[in-house]
Amino acid sequence: MEDFIPIFAIFAVFGTITAIIVGPTFLKYREKRDMQETVRHAVDKGQELPPELIDVMTKDVQKALPSRTKDIRRGIIWLAAGIGIAAFGIVSELGGNDWNGGMDNGLLGIACIPATIGIAFIVLSFFNPSKD
């Protein structure tokens, strides 16, 4: 019985992570499928679709469209994450006796990735039309 405890623990951890990720995605998919089925039955019976229903169905599509404000927000968040990782790398070097400016720290290289993504989003915001 004691041999199953580590196996159960591993399945519990990864099962929980999978449920957190897959659960909401599946529920959203099922909700969209039910909505499409309801609309399909209404159209098959010859009923008119109210404009409110069409607005609700297209709300998610309009929300997902890129806009200048969303790109600036994403860019600032990614840039801040990169600066935060770089600052952590530099501060962690300050605790040592032989501080050399922190330029050989691996975290500075890793910090370039989110910082570059942030800069790309900020530059992209200048090319997207403002739809807000």
N, C-alpha and C. Protein backbone atom coordinates (compact mmCIF):
# COMPACT_ATOMS: atom_id res chain seq x y z
N MET A 1 0.82 -1.19 0.00
CA MET A 1 0.00 0.00 0.00
C MET A 1 0.86 1.26 0.00
N GLU A 2 2.00 1.20 0.68
CA GLU A 2 2.86 2.37 0.74
C GLU A 2 3.53 2.66 -0.59
N ASP A 3 3.57 1.66 -1.47
CA ASP A 3 4.17 1.88 -2.79
C ASP A 3 3.29 2.75 -3.67
N PHE A 4 2.00 2.82 -3.38
CA PHE A 4 1.08 3.58 -4.21
C PHE A 4 1.01 5.06 -3.83
N ILE A 5 1.52 5.43 -2.68
CA ILE A 5 1.43 6.82 -2.23
C ILE A 5 2.20 7.77 -3.17
N PRO A 6 3.46 7.48 -3.56
CA PRO A 6 4.13 8.39 -4.50
C PRO A 6 3.44 8.46 -5.86
N ILE A 7 2.94 7.33 -6.33
CA ILE A 7 2.25 7.32 -7.62
C ILE A 7 0.97 8.13 -7.53
N PHE A 8 0.22 7.96 -6.44
CA PHE A 8 -1.00 8.74 -6.24
C PHE A 8 -0.70 10.22 -6.15
N ALA A 9 0.39 10.58 -5.47
CA ALA A 9 0.75 11.99 -5.33
C ALA A 9 1.08 12.61 -6.69
N ILE A 10 1.81 11.88 -7.50
CA ILE A 10 2.15 12.39 -8.83
C ILE A 10 0.89 12.57 -9.67
N PHE A 11 0.00 11.57 -9.66
CA PHE A 11 -1.25 11.70 -10.42
C PHE A 11 -2.12 12.83 -9.88
N ALA A 12 -2.12 13.03 -8.58
CA ALA A 12 -2.93 14.10 -7.99
C ALA A 12 -2.42 15.47 -8.42
N VAL A 13 -1.11 15.66 -8.40
CA VAL A 13 -0.55 16.96 -8.79
C VAL A 13 -0.82 17.24 -10.27
N PHE A 14 -0.44 16.31 -11.13
CA PHE A 14 -0.63 16.54 -12.56
C PHE A 14 -2.09 16.50 -12.96
N GLY A 15 -2.90 15.72 -12.27
CA GLY A 15 -4.34 15.70 -12.54
C GLY A 15 -4.99 17.03 -12.19
N THR A 16 -4.55 17.63 -11.08
CA THR A 16 -5.09 18.92 -10.69
C THR A 16 -4.72 20.00 -11.69
N ILE A 17 -3.47 20.00 -12.11
CA ILE A 17 -3.04 20.99 -13.11
C ILE A 17 -3.82 20.81 -14.41
N THR A 18 -3.98 19.58 -14.83
CA THR A 18 -4.74 19.31 -16.06
C THR A 18 -6.19 19.73 -15.91
N ALA A 19 -6.79 19.47 -14.77
CA ALA A 19 -8.19 19.85 -14.56
C ALA A 19 -8.36 21.37 -14.57
N ILE A 20 -7.40 22.08 -14.00
CA ILE A 20 -7.48 23.54 -13.98
C ILE A 20 -7.38 24.12 -15.38
N ILE A 21 -6.58 23.51 -16.22
CA ILE A 21 -6.40 24.03 -17.58
C ILE A 21 -7.51 23.54 -18.52
N VAL A 22 -7.81 22.26 -18.47
CA VAL A 22 -8.75 21.67 -19.43
C VAL A 22 -10.20 21.94 -19.04
N GLY A 23 -10.50 22.01 -17.75
CA GLY A 23 -11.88 22.18 -17.31
C GLY A 23 -12.57 23.41 -17.86
N PRO A 24 -12.05 24.62 -17.64
CA PRO A 24 -12.71 25.81 -18.18
C PRO A 24 -12.77 25.83 -19.70
N THR A 25 -11.74 25.31 -20.35
CA THR A 25 -11.75 25.26 -21.82
C THR A 25 -12.88 24.37 -22.31
N PHE A 26 -13.04 23.20 -21.69
CA PHE A 26 -14.11 22.29 -22.08
C PHE A 26 -15.48 22.90 -21.82
N LEU A 27 -15.66 23.56 -20.67
CA LEU A 27 -16.95 24.17 -20.35
C LEU A 27 -17.30 25.29 -21.32
N LYS A 28 -16.32 26.08 -21.72
CA LYS A 28 -16.57 27.15 -22.69
C LYS A 28 -16.92 26.57 -24.06
N TYR A 29 -16.23 25.50 -24.45
CA TYR A 29 -16.53 24.83 -25.71
C TYR A 29 -17.96 24.29 -25.69
N ARG A 30 -18.36 23.66 -24.58
CA ARG A 30 -19.70 23.09 -24.48
C ARG A 30 -20.77 24.17 -24.53
N GLU A 31 -20.49 25.32 -23.90
CA GLU A 31 -21.45 26.42 -23.92
C GLU A 31 -21.63 26.96 -25.35
N LYS A 32 -20.54 27.10 -26.08
CA LYS A 32 -20.64 27.57 -27.47
C LYS A 32 -21.37 26.55 -28.34
N ARG A 33 -21.10 25.27 -28.12
CA ARG A 33 -21.77 24.23 -28.89
C ARG A 33 -23.27 24.24 -28.64
N ASP A 34 -23.68 24.39 -27.39
CA ASP A 34 -25.11 24.45 -27.07
C ASP A 34 -25.77 25.68 -27.68
N MET A 35 -25.08 26.81 -27.66
CA MET A 35 -25.61 28.04 -28.26
C MET A 35 -25.79 27.86 -29.77
N GLN A 36 -24.80 27.26 -30.43
CA GLN A 36 -24.92 27.04 -31.87
C GLN A 36 -26.04 26.06 -32.20
N GLU A 37 -26.21 25.06 -31.36
CA GLU A 37 -27.29 24.10 -31.59
C GLU A 37 -28.66 24.77 -31.44
N THR A 38 -28.80 25.64 -30.45
CA THR A 38 -30.05 26.36 -30.25
C THR A 38 -30.34 27.28 -31.44
N VAL A 39 -29.32 27.99 -31.91
CA VAL A 39 -29.50 28.88 -33.06
C VAL A 39 -29.83 28.07 -34.31
N ARG A 40 -29.19 26.93 -34.47
CA ARG A 40 -29.44 26.09 -35.64
C ARG A 40 -30.90 25.60 -35.65
N HIS A 41 -31.42 25.19 -34.49
CA HIS A 41 -32.81 24.75 -34.42
C HIS A 41 -33.77 25.90 -34.71
N ALA A 42 -33.45 27.09 -34.23
CA ALA A 42 -34.31 28.25 -34.48
C ALA A 42 -34.32 28.60 -35.96
N VAL A 43 -33.17 28.54 -36.60
CA VAL A 43 -33.10 28.85 -38.03
C VAL A 43 -33.82 27.78 -38.84
N ASP A 44 -33.68 26.51 -38.45
CA ASP A 44 -34.37 25.43 -39.16
C ASP A 44 -35.89 25.57 -39.08
N LYS A 45 -36.39 26.11 -37.98
CA LYS A 45 -37.83 26.30 -37.82
C LYS A 45 -38.31 27.60 -38.48
N GLY A 46 -37.39 28.39 -39.01
CA GLY A 46 -37.75 29.61 -39.72
C GLY A 46 -37.92 30.83 -38.83
N GLN A 47 -37.43 30.79 -37.62
CA GLN A 47 -37.57 31.93 -36.73
C GLN A 47 -36.47 32.96 -37.01
N GLU A 48 -36.82 34.21 -36.79
CA GLU A 48 -35.85 35.29 -36.94
C GLU A 48 -34.96 35.35 -35.71
N LEU A 49 -33.68 35.64 -35.91
CA LEU A 49 -32.77 35.79 -34.79
C LEU A 49 -32.81 37.24 -34.29
N PRO A 50 -33.03 37.45 -33.00
CA PRO A 50 -33.05 38.82 -32.49
C PRO A 50 -31.66 39.43 -32.55
N PRO A 51 -31.59 40.76 -32.73
CA PRO A 51 -30.28 41.41 -32.81
C PRO A 51 -29.46 41.27 -31.53
N GLU A 52 -30.13 41.13 -30.39
CA GLU A 52 -29.40 40.96 -29.13
C GLU A 52 -28.61 39.66 -29.12
N LEU A 53 -29.20 38.60 -29.70
CA LEU A 53 -28.52 37.32 -29.75
C LEU A 53 -27.29 37.40 -30.65
N ILE A 54 -27.41 38.09 -31.76
CA ILE A 54 -26.28 38.24 -32.67
C ILE A 54 -25.18 39.06 -32.00
N ASP A 55 -25.56 40.09 -31.23
CA ASP A 55 -24.56 40.88 -30.52
C ASP A 55 -23.82 40.04 -29.48
N VAL A 56 -24.55 39.18 -28.77
CA VAL A 56 -23.92 38.33 -27.76
C VAL A 56 -22.98 37.33 -28.41
N MET A 57 -23.37 36.79 -29.57
CA MET A 57 -22.54 35.80 -30.24
C MET A 57 -21.27 36.42 -30.84
N THR A 58 -21.31 37.68 -31.24
CA THR A 58 -20.14 38.31 -31.84
C THR A 58 -19.31 39.08 -30.83
N LYS A 59 -19.73 39.12 -29.57
CA LYS A 59 -19.01 39.88 -28.55
C LYS A 59 -17.61 39.31 -28.34
N ASP A 60 -17.48 37.98 -28.30
CA ASP A 60 -16.17 37.36 -28.09
C ASP A 60 -15.23 37.64 -29.26
N VAL A 61 -15.77 37.67 -30.46
CA VAL A 61 -14.94 37.93 -31.64
C VAL A 61 -14.43 39.36 -31.61
N GLN A 62 -15.28 40.31 -31.25
CA GLN A 62 -14.87 41.71 -31.20
C GLN A 62 -13.88 41.95 -30.06
N LYS A 63 -14.04 41.21 -28.97
CA LYS A 63 -13.14 41.38 -27.84
C LYS A 63 -11.73 40.87 -28.17
N ALA A 64 -11.62 39.88 -29.04
CA ALA A 64 -10.33 39.29 -29.37
C ALA A 64 -9.56 40.08 -30.42
N LEU A 65 -10.19 41.06 -31.06
CA LEU A 65 -9.50 41.83 -32.07
C LEU A 65 -8.38 42.66 -31.45
N PRO A 66 -7.25 42.78 -32.14
CA PRO A 66 -6.16 43.57 -31.57
C PRO A 66 -6.50 45.06 -31.59
N SER A 67 -6.04 45.75 -30.58
CA SER A 67 -6.24 47.19 -30.52
C SER A 67 -4.98 47.83 -29.96
N ARG A 68 -4.88 49.11 -30.14
CA ARG A 68 -3.70 49.84 -29.70
C ARG A 68 -3.55 49.77 -28.18
N THR A 69 -4.65 49.95 -27.47
CA THR A 69 -4.59 49.96 -26.01
C THR A 69 -4.17 48.59 -25.46
N LYS A 70 -4.72 47.51 -26.03
CA LYS A 70 -4.36 46.17 -25.56
C LYS A 70 -2.89 45.89 -25.82
N ASP A 71 -2.39 46.32 -26.98
CA ASP A 71 -0.98 46.08 -27.29
C ASP A 71 -0.06 46.86 -26.37
N ILE A 72 -0.43 48.09 -26.06
CA ILE A 72 0.40 48.88 -25.14
C ILE A 72 0.40 48.25 -23.75
N ARG A 73 -0.77 47.79 -23.29
CA ARG A 73 -0.83 47.14 -21.97
C ARG A 73 0.02 45.88 -21.94
N ARG A 74 -0.14 45.04 -22.95
CA ARG A 74 0.66 43.81 -23.00
C ARG A 74 2.14 44.13 -23.07
N GLY A 75 2.48 45.12 -23.88
CA GLY A 75 3.89 45.50 -24.02
C GLY A 75 4.48 45.99 -22.72
N ILE A 76 3.74 46.80 -22.00
CA ILE A 76 4.25 47.32 -20.73
C ILE A 76 4.38 46.20 -19.71
N ILE A 77 3.43 45.26 -19.70
CA ILE A 77 3.51 44.14 -18.75
C ILE A 77 4.71 43.26 -19.07
N TRP A 78 4.91 42.92 -20.34
CA TRP A 78 6.06 42.09 -20.71
C TRP A 78 7.38 42.81 -20.45
N LEU A 79 7.42 44.10 -20.76
CA LEU A 79 8.63 44.88 -20.52
C LEU A 79 8.93 44.95 -19.02
N ALA A 80 7.90 45.13 -18.21
CA ALA A 80 8.09 45.16 -16.76
C ALA A 80 8.57 43.81 -16.25
N ALA A 81 8.06 42.72 -16.83
CA ALA A 81 8.53 41.40 -16.41
C ALA A 81 10.01 41.23 -16.75
N GLY A 82 10.42 41.67 -17.92
CA GLY A 82 11.83 41.58 -18.29
C GLY A 82 12.71 42.43 -17.40
N ILE A 83 12.26 43.64 -17.08
CA ILE A 83 13.04 44.52 -16.20
C ILE A 83 13.10 43.93 -14.80
N GLY A 84 12.00 43.32 -14.35
CA GLY A 84 11.98 42.70 -13.03
C GLY A 84 12.95 41.53 -12.94
N ILE A 85 12.99 40.68 -13.96
CA ILE A 85 13.93 39.56 -13.96
C ILE A 85 15.37 40.07 -14.00
N ALA A 86 15.62 41.10 -14.82
CA ALA A 86 16.97 41.67 -14.89
C ALA A 86 17.37 42.29 -13.56
N ALA A 87 16.44 42.99 -12.92
CA ALA A 87 16.75 43.60 -11.63
C ALA A 87 17.03 42.52 -10.58
N PHE A 88 16.28 41.43 -10.63
CA PHE A 88 16.54 40.33 -9.71
C PHE A 88 17.93 39.75 -9.94
N GLY A 89 18.32 39.62 -11.20
CA GLY A 89 19.66 39.12 -11.51
C GLY A 89 20.75 40.03 -11.00
N ILE A 90 20.56 41.34 -11.15
CA ILE A 90 21.56 42.29 -10.69
C ILE A 90 21.61 42.32 -9.17
N VAL A 91 20.45 42.33 -8.52
CA VAL A 91 20.42 42.38 -7.06
C VAL A 91 21.00 41.10 -6.46
N SER A 92 20.77 39.97 -7.10
CA SER A 92 21.32 38.73 -6.57
C SER A 92 22.84 38.72 -6.68
N GLU A 93 23.38 39.43 -7.63
CA GLU A 93 24.84 39.55 -7.75
C GLU A 93 25.41 40.49 -6.70
N LEU A 94 24.62 41.44 -6.23
CA LEU A 94 25.11 42.41 -5.25
C LEU A 94 25.46 41.74 -3.92
N GLY A 95 24.82 40.62 -3.63
CA GLY A 95 25.09 39.95 -2.37
C GLY A 95 26.45 39.27 -2.33
N GLY A 96 27.05 39.03 -3.47
CA GLY A 96 28.36 38.37 -3.51
C GLY A 96 29.49 39.33 -3.19
N ASN A 97 30.68 38.79 -2.94
CA ASN A 97 31.85 39.61 -2.62
C ASN A 97 32.50 40.20 -3.86
N ASP A 98 32.42 39.50 -4.97
CA ASP A 98 33.09 39.98 -6.18
C ASP A 98 32.06 40.46 -7.20
N TRP A 99 31.48 41.60 -6.91
CA TRP A 99 30.46 42.16 -7.81
C TRP A 99 31.15 42.80 -9.00
N ASN A 100 30.74 42.41 -10.19
CA ASN A 100 31.36 42.94 -11.41
C ASN A 100 30.33 43.61 -12.31
N GLY A 101 29.29 44.15 -11.75
CA GLY A 101 28.29 44.83 -12.55
C GLY A 101 27.16 43.93 -12.97
N GLY A 102 27.24 42.66 -12.72
CA GLY A 102 26.16 41.73 -13.03
C GLY A 102 26.04 41.40 -14.50
N MET A 103 27.06 41.67 -15.29
CA MET A 103 26.94 41.45 -16.72
C MET A 103 27.14 40.00 -17.12
N ASP A 104 27.64 39.17 -16.24
CA ASP A 104 27.80 37.76 -16.59
C ASP A 104 26.72 36.89 -15.98
N ASN A 105 25.64 37.50 -15.52
CA ASN A 105 24.55 36.78 -14.89
C ASN A 105 23.63 36.21 -15.97
N GLY A 106 23.26 34.96 -15.82
CA GLY A 106 22.38 34.32 -16.80
C GLY A 106 20.97 34.88 -16.81
N LEU A 107 20.53 35.44 -15.68
CA LEU A 107 19.18 36.01 -15.62
C LEU A 107 19.04 37.22 -16.53
N LEU A 108 20.13 37.92 -16.78
CA LEU A 108 20.04 39.07 -17.68
C LEU A 108 19.73 38.62 -19.11
N GLY A 109 20.28 37.50 -19.50
CA GLY A 109 19.96 36.95 -20.81
C GLY A 109 18.53 36.48 -20.90
N ILE A 110 18.06 35.85 -19.83
CA ILE A 110 16.67 35.39 -19.80
C ILE A 110 15.72 36.58 -19.78
N ALA A 111 16.11 37.67 -19.12
CA ALA A 111 15.27 38.86 -19.04
C ALA A 111 15.09 39.52 -20.40
N CYS A 112 15.98 39.27 -21.32
CA CYS A 112 15.86 39.86 -22.65
C CYS A 112 14.64 39.33 -23.40
N ILE A 113 14.21 38.12 -23.09
CA ILE A 113 13.09 37.52 -23.82
C ILE A 113 11.79 38.27 -23.54
N PRO A 114 11.32 38.40 -22.28
CA PRO A 114 10.08 39.16 -22.07
C PRO A 114 10.24 40.64 -22.39
N ALA A 115 11.43 41.19 -22.20
CA ALA A 115 11.63 42.61 -22.54
C ALA A 115 11.48 42.83 -24.04
N THR A 116 12.01 41.92 -24.84
CA THR A 116 11.88 42.04 -26.30
C THR A 116 10.44 41.85 -26.74
N ILE A 117 9.72 40.92 -26.12
CA ILE A 117 8.30 40.74 -26.44
C ILE A 117 7.53 42.01 -26.09
N GLY A 118 7.84 42.61 -24.94
CA GLY A 118 7.18 43.85 -24.55
C GLY A 118 7.44 44.98 -25.52
N ILE A 119 8.68 45.12 -25.94
CA ILE A 119 9.02 46.17 -26.92
C ILE A 119 8.30 45.91 -28.24
N ALA A 120 8.20 44.64 -28.63
CA ALA A 120 7.50 44.31 -29.88
C ALA A 120 6.02 44.69 -29.79
N PHE A 121 5.37 44.43 -28.65
CA PHE A 121 3.96 44.81 -28.49
C PHE A 121 3.80 46.33 -28.51
N ILE A 122 4.72 47.04 -27.89
CA ILE A 122 4.63 48.51 -27.89
C ILE A 122 4.81 49.04 -29.29
N VAL A 123 5.76 48.50 -30.06
CA VAL A 123 5.94 48.93 -31.45
C VAL A 123 4.72 48.55 -32.27
N LEU A 124 4.16 47.38 -32.04
CA LEU A 124 2.97 46.93 -32.77
C LEU A 124 1.78 47.83 -32.48
N SER A 125 1.72 48.42 -31.30
CA SER A 125 0.60 49.30 -30.98
C SER A 125 0.57 50.55 -31.85
N PHE A 126 1.71 50.95 -32.36
CA PHE A 126 1.73 52.11 -33.26
C PHE A 126 1.17 51.79 -34.63
N PHE A 127 1.16 50.51 -35.00
CA PHE A 127 0.65 50.11 -36.32
C PHE A 127 -0.81 49.70 -36.29
N ASN A 128 -1.35 49.35 -35.12
CA ASN A 128 -2.75 48.96 -35.01
C ASN A 128 -3.62 50.21 -34.92
N PRO A 129 -4.74 50.20 -35.63
CA PRO A 129 -5.66 51.33 -35.51
C PRO A 129 -6.33 51.32 -34.13
N SER A 130 -6.65 52.48 -33.65
CA SER A 130 -7.29 52.58 -32.34
C SER A 130 -8.77 52.29 -32.49
N LYS A 131 -9.24 51.18 -31.92
CA LYS A 131 -10.65 50.78 -32.02
C LYS A 131 -11.35 50.92 -30.68
N ASP A 132 -10.74 51.62 -29.74
CA ASP A 132 -11.31 51.75 -28.40
C ASP A 132 -12.25 52.93 -28.34
